[in-house]
C-alpha cells in the first residue's frame, strides 16, 4: 500500500501559484483550516478558487480573501464575507457567481467525465449571457460546462491510512464531490486511523480518490 501520509507543510508543496484549487466546506464548516493556513504561510498567490462560498473573514477560505491569495473565485455567493465584496468592487478580485445547484452539478460533471449539464436555472437572467442554449422537448436549457481543479483540498473527520474518508454531520457538504473533480486530492485528517478501523459503510469518499493525507 502506497504511503499517502504527509505533513501539512509537505502537502502544500504541491500547490503552486496560478493553480485552480477546489476546497470543500460550506461557510467554513468542513473546510481544511490547517491546509488553508499553510497556503497563506507559504505565500501562494493568484489561485482560482472553486468553493461553495468565500466563508467569512478569519474562517475557511475567507483567510485567502483577506490575504489576497485568490485572483478569481467561482462560488455560489459571497454575502457572508464583506472583504470579498470590497475586492470585487475595487476590481481586485474576479468573481464568477454560479447558482448553488448548478455549481455542485458542474463539479459533479467534471468528476463523472461529462461534457456538461443542462439546466433551466438562469434562463432569462444575466446568468445566461455568453452561454449556449439547447432546447429539449420544447424547453430551453443552458449548457453549463464542467468545473475541474488542479488540486482539491478536503477536510475529513476520520481518515484511514489508505485514504478512505468519513465526514461528520454537516462537514460532509461539498467535500465528496470536490474529491472527484481534481487531478490531485489532499485530505486534512482530523483523526487518522489504521486501515480496517473505519467501517466500510461509513466511507463517504473512497481511497481511490485521495492522493495525499495531511496530518
Protein backbone atom coordinates (compact mmCIF):
# COMPACT_ATOMS: atom_id res chain seq x y z
CA UNK A 1 0.00 0.00 0.00
CA UNK A 2 1.37 3.39 -1.01
CA UNK A 3 2.15 5.67 1.93
CA UNK A 4 -0.01 8.74 1.33
CA UNK A 5 0.66 10.39 4.69
CA UNK A 6 2.50 13.72 4.71
CA UNK A 7 2.75 16.71 6.97
CA UNK A 8 0.63 19.78 6.28
CA UNK A 9 3.75 21.62 5.08
CA UNK A 10 4.73 18.78 2.72
CA UNK A 11 1.21 18.61 1.30
CA UNK A 12 1.02 22.29 0.32
CA UNK A 13 4.27 21.97 -1.62
CA UNK A 14 2.10 20.54 -4.40
CA UNK A 15 0.14 23.80 -4.67
CA UNK A 16 1.68 26.38 -6.98
CA UNK A 17 0.88 29.96 -7.94
CA UNK A 18 -1.88 30.26 -10.52
CA UNK A 19 -3.47 26.85 -9.92
CA UNK A 20 -7.19 26.08 -9.84
CA UNK A 21 -7.98 24.83 -6.34
CA UNK A 22 -11.29 23.31 -5.21
CA UNK A 23 -11.98 23.49 -1.48
CA UNK A 24 -14.64 21.64 0.48
CA UNK A 25 -16.76 23.44 3.04
CA UNK A 26 -19.93 25.44 3.47
CA UNK A 27 -19.42 28.85 5.09
CA UNK A 28 -16.22 27.42 6.55
CA UNK A 29 -17.82 24.31 8.03
CA UNK A 30 -15.93 21.28 6.79
CA UNK A 31 -13.04 23.31 5.36
CA UNK A 32 -9.42 22.18 5.82
CA UNK A 33 -8.32 25.05 8.08
CA UNK A 34 -4.72 23.92 8.58
CA UNK A 35 -4.14 23.44 4.85
CA UNK A 36 -5.72 26.84 4.19
CA UNK A 37 -3.41 28.43 6.77
CA UNK A 38 -0.37 26.69 5.28
CA UNK A 39 -1.16 28.08 1.82
CA UNK A 40 -1.22 31.57 3.32
CA UNK A 41 2.04 30.96 5.21
CA UNK A 42 3.76 29.74 2.04
CA UNK A 43 2.81 32.93 0.19
CA UNK A 44 1.00 31.22 -2.67
CA UNK A 45 -0.79 33.68 -4.97
CA UNK A 46 -3.11 34.03 -7.96
CA UNK A 47 -5.22 30.95 -7.26
CA UNK A 48 -8.59 30.36 -8.89
CA UNK A 49 -10.91 29.08 -6.17
CA UNK A 50 -13.81 26.69 -6.67
CA UNK A 51 -15.86 26.60 -3.49
CA UNK A 52 -19.46 27.00 -2.36
CA UNK A 53 -18.67 30.45 -0.91
CA UNK A 54 -15.87 32.62 0.46
CA UNK A 55 -16.78 31.90 4.11
CA UNK A 56 -16.19 34.87 6.43
CA UNK A 57 -13.14 36.91 7.50
CA UNK A 58 -10.82 34.72 9.55
CA UNK A 59 -12.63 31.47 8.72
CA UNK A 60 -12.06 28.90 5.97
CA UNK A 61 -11.17 30.30 2.57
CA UNK A 62 -12.09 33.72 3.93
CA UNK A 63 -8.46 33.82 5.07
CA UNK A 64 -7.40 33.51 1.44
CA UNK A 65 -9.55 36.52 0.57
CA UNK A 66 -8.07 38.62 3.39
CA UNK A 67 -4.53 37.65 2.42
CA UNK A 68 -5.21 38.12 -1.31
CA UNK A 69 -4.31 34.58 -2.28
CA UNK A 70 -7.12 34.40 -4.84
CA UNK A 71 -7.39 36.15 -8.20
CA UNK A 72 -10.71 34.54 -9.16
CA UNK A 73 -13.50 32.96 -7.12
CA UNK A 74 -16.02 30.58 -8.66
CA UNK A 75 -18.65 30.39 -5.92
CA UNK A 76 -22.39 30.46 -5.30
CA UNK A 77 -22.38 33.51 -3.02
CA UNK A 78 -20.10 36.00 -1.27
CA UNK A 79 -22.54 37.68 1.12
CA UNK A 80 -21.00 36.30 4.31
CA UNK A 81 -17.64 37.91 3.61
CA UNK A 82 -17.66 41.73 3.27
CA UNK A 83 -13.99 41.71 2.23
CA UNK A 84 -14.87 39.69 -0.88
CA UNK A 85 -17.36 42.33 -1.96
CA UNK A 86 -14.85 45.11 -1.39
CA UNK A 87 -12.24 43.42 -3.56
CA UNK A 88 -14.76 42.69 -6.32
CA UNK A 89 -15.98 46.31 -6.36
CA UNK A 90 -12.38 47.55 -6.42
CA UNK A 91 -11.59 45.36 -9.42
CA UNK A 92 -9.03 43.39 -7.40
CA UNK A 93 -10.89 40.07 -7.47
CA UNK A 94 -12.78 38.42 -10.30
CA UNK A 95 -15.91 36.55 -9.24
CA UNK A 96 -18.00 34.06 -11.17
CA UNK A 97 -21.24 33.68 -9.21
CA UNK A 98 -22.92 30.36 -10.02
CA UNK A 99 -26.29 29.19 -8.67
CA UNK A 100 -25.54 26.69 -5.91
CA UNK A 101 -27.18 23.66 -7.50
CA UNK A 102 -25.54 24.46 -10.82
CA UNK A 103 -22.16 24.81 -9.10
CA UNK A 104 -22.50 21.39 -7.49
CA UNK A 105 -23.59 19.78 -10.75
CA UNK A 106 -20.75 21.36 -12.74
CA UNK A 107 -18.23 19.93 -10.28
CA UNK A 108 -20.00 16.57 -10.37
CA UNK A 109 -19.92 16.64 -14.17
CA UNK A 110 -16.14 17.08 -14.13
CA UNK A 111 -15.80 14.14 -11.75
CA UNK A 112 -18.06 11.95 -13.87
CA UNK A 113 -16.32 12.81 -17.13
CA UNK A 114 -19.39 14.54 -18.59
CA UNK A 115 -19.23 17.29 -21.19
CA UNK A 116 -21.55 19.49 -19.17
CA UNK A 117 -25.06 19.70 -17.75
CA UNK A 118 -28.34 21.18 -18.92
CA UNK A 119 -30.23 23.41 -16.51
CA UNK A 120 -33.17 25.78 -16.74
CA UNK A 121 -31.76 27.83 -13.86
CA UNK A 122 -30.60 31.22 -15.12
CA UNK A 123 -32.74 31.37 -18.25
CA UNK A 124 -33.88 34.95 -18.80
CA UNK A 125 -31.25 36.40 -16.41
CA UNK A 126 -27.67 37.66 -16.64
CA UNK A 127 -26.57 34.08 -15.89
CA UNK A 128 -27.33 33.07 -19.49
CA UNK A 129 -25.03 35.67 -21.06
CA UNK A 130 -22.47 34.09 -23.37
CA UNK A 131 -23.76 30.55 -22.82
CA UNK A 132 -25.09 28.04 -25.30
CA UNK A 133 -28.82 27.26 -25.14
CA UNK A 134 -30.22 23.87 -26.00
CA UNK A 135 -33.90 23.04 -26.49
CA UNK A 136 -35.18 19.70 -25.18
CA UNK A 137 -38.85 18.75 -25.64
CA UNK A 138 -39.68 22.37 -26.34
CA UNK A 139 -37.99 23.73 -23.21
CA UNK A 140 -34.83 25.86 -23.21
CA UNK A 141 -31.83 24.92 -21.12
CA UNK A 142 -28.39 26.42 -20.54
CA UNK A 143 -25.38 24.26 -21.22
CA UNK A 144 -23.13 24.63 -18.17
CA UNK A 145 -19.59 23.33 -18.54
CA UNK A 146 -17.71 21.11 -16.05
CA UNK A 147 -15.58 22.63 -13.29
CA UNK A 148 -12.32 20.79 -12.77
CA UNK A 149 -9.45 21.72 -10.46
CA UNK A 150 -5.72 21.09 -10.41
CA UNK A 151 -5.90 20.36 -6.68
CA UNK A 152 -8.76 19.67 -4.26
CA UNK A 153 -8.39 20.35 -0.53
CA UNK A 154 -10.74 18.39 1.72
CA UNK A 155 -11.38 18.01 5.44
CA UNK A 156 -12.03 14.51 6.78
CA UNK A 157 -13.32 13.82 10.29
CA UNK A 158 -11.88 10.30 10.25
CA UNK A 159 -9.42 9.12 7.60
CA UNK A 160 -7.71 5.74 7.48
CA UNK A 161 -4.14 5.31 6.30
CA UNK A 162 -5.29 4.16 2.88
CA UNK A 163 -7.26 7.40 2.35
CA UNK A 164 -10.85 6.32 2.98
CA UNK A 165 -12.74 9.28 4.42
CA UNK A 166 -15.66 9.78 6.81
CA UNK A 167 -17.20 13.24 7.22
CA UNK A 168 -19.05 14.05 10.43
CA UNK A 169 -22.52 15.57 10.04
CA UNK A 170 -22.58 18.89 8.14
CA UNK A 171 -18.85 18.81 7.38
CA UNK A 172 -19.70 16.46 4.53
CA UNK A 173 -21.28 19.18 2.33
CA UNK A 174 -19.16 19.83 -0.79
CA UNK A 175 -16.18 17.64 0.19
CA UNK A 176 -17.25 14.40 -1.58
CA UNK A 177 -17.85 16.00 -4.97
CA UNK A 178 -14.68 18.10 -4.81
CA UNK A 179 -12.77 14.84 -4.28
CA UNK A 180 -13.85 13.57 -7.69
CA UNK A 181 -13.02 16.63 -9.76
CA UNK A 182 -9.31 17.37 -9.33
CA UNK A 183 -6.03 15.98 -10.63
CA UNK A 184 -4.61 15.84 -7.10
CA UNK A 185 -6.67 15.38 -3.93
CA UNK A 186 -5.35 16.27 -0.48
CA UNK A 187 -7.39 15.49 2.62
CA UNK A 188 -6.66 17.05 6.00
CA UNK A 189 -7.36 14.37 8.60
CA UNK A 190 -8.86 15.40 11.91
CA UNK A 191 -8.35 11.83 13.13
CA UNK A 192 -6.11 9.28 11.41
CA UNK A 193 -6.82 5.58 11.99
CA UNK A 194 -5.45 2.25 10.84
CA UNK A 195 -6.90 0.53 7.79
CA UNK A 196 -9.89 -1.51 8.92
CA UNK A 197 -10.84 0.75 11.82
CA UNK A 198 -13.19 2.74 9.62
CA UNK A 199 -16.27 0.64 8.84
CA UNK A 200 -16.84 0.28 5.10
CA UNK A 201 -20.42 1.53 5.46
CA UNK A 202 -19.08 4.80 6.90
CA UNK A 203 -16.77 5.55 3.96
CA UNK A 204 -18.04 8.62 2.11
CA UNK A 205 -15.01 9.24 -0.10
CA UNK A 206 -13.21 6.04 -1.16
CA UNK A 207 -9.42 5.94 -1.01
CA UNK A 208 -9.11 5.72 -4.80
CA UNK A 209 -9.85 9.46 -4.98
CA UNK A 210 -7.31 10.51 -2.32
CA UNK A 211 -3.66 11.11 -3.22
CA UNK A 212 -2.34 12.71 -0.02
CA UNK A 213 -3.38 12.54 3.63
CA UNK A 214 -2.21 15.62 5.50
CA UNK A 215 -1.81 15.03 9.23
